[in-house]
Amino acid sequence: MAQPKGAEYLKTAEVADILHVSPKTVTRWAKDGRLPHSRTLGGHRRFPASSIRQLAEGLIQVGQGE
């Protein structure tokens, strides 16, 4: 799948750092359809940075009781 110009994509380990979970958890969530992702020609998952950051912001707000 071709990546649009200007779009930023994250690797599994980067997503794990942002969401404070293990890379295995990120992989499992991606397999379960919980995280949006695409695959590189080599089969590696790439996650749209904007979607992951939006999810992280939502989790922070839920953690703060909003």
Protein backbone atom coordinates (compact mmCIF):
# COMPACT_ATOMS: atom_id res chain seq x y z
CA MET A 1 0.00 0.00 0.00
CA ALA A 2 1.54 3.33 -1.02
CA GLN A 3 1.93 5.94 1.67
CA PRO A 4 0.56 9.40 0.86
CA LYS A 5 3.14 12.17 0.72
CA GLY A 6 3.36 14.09 3.97
CA ALA A 7 1.73 11.32 6.00
CA GLU A 8 3.75 10.19 8.99
CA TYR A 9 3.81 6.54 9.97
CA LEU A 10 5.11 4.92 13.14
CA LYS A 11 6.80 1.59 13.74
CA THR A 12 5.44 -0.94 16.24
CA ALA A 13 8.01 -0.03 18.91
CA GLU A 14 7.20 3.68 18.56
CA VAL A 15 3.49 2.99 19.03
CA ALA A 16 4.30 0.85 22.07
CA ASP A 17 6.24 3.75 23.62
CA ILE A 18 3.42 6.23 22.99
CA LEU A 19 0.72 3.93 24.41
CA HIS A 20 2.91 2.59 27.25
CA VAL A 21 2.41 -1.05 26.28
CA SER A 22 4.71 -3.75 24.91
CA PRO A 23 5.36 -4.17 21.18
CA LYS A 24 3.65 -7.58 21.40
CA THR A 25 0.50 -5.88 22.69
CA VAL A 26 0.58 -3.43 19.76
CA THR A 27 0.93 -6.35 17.34
CA ARG A 28 -1.96 -8.21 18.98
CA TRP A 29 -4.18 -5.12 18.90
CA ALA A 30 -3.36 -4.60 15.22
CA LYS A 31 -4.22 -8.24 14.43
CA ASP A 32 -7.51 -7.84 16.33
CA GLY A 33 -8.36 -4.72 14.31
CA ARG A 34 -8.12 -2.38 17.30
CA LEU A 35 -5.36 -0.24 15.76
CA PRO A 36 -5.34 1.14 12.22
CA HIS A 37 -2.29 0.04 10.25
CA SER A 38 -0.92 -0.81 6.85
CA ARG A 39 1.84 -3.15 5.76
CA THR A 40 5.09 -2.38 3.99
CA LEU A 41 6.22 -4.45 1.04
CA GLY A 42 8.41 -6.35 3.51
CA GLY A 43 5.39 -7.19 5.68
CA HIS A 44 6.09 -4.78 8.54
CA ARG A 45 3.22 -2.92 10.13
CA ARG A 46 3.12 0.87 9.98
CA PHE A 47 0.64 2.90 12.00
CA PRO A 48 -0.67 6.36 11.03
CA ALA A 49 0.87 8.74 13.56
CA SER A 50 -2.14 11.05 13.70
CA SER A 51 -4.51 8.19 14.63
CA ILE A 52 -2.17 6.82 17.29
CA ARG A 53 -1.63 10.24 18.86
CA GLN A 54 -5.38 10.87 18.86
CA LEU A 55 -5.93 7.53 20.59
CA ALA A 56 -3.24 8.34 23.17
CA GLU A 57 -4.88 11.72 23.88
CA GLY A 58 -8.21 9.98 24.39
CA LEU A 59 -6.63 7.54 26.82
CA ILE A 60 -5.07 10.40 28.80
CA GLN A 61 -8.44 12.13 29.08
CA VAL A 62 -10.14 8.92 30.25
CA GLY A 63 -7.37 8.43 32.82
CA GLN A 64 -7.98 11.94 34.15
CA GLY A 65 -11.68 11.23 34.65
CA GLU A 66 -13.05 13.38 31.82
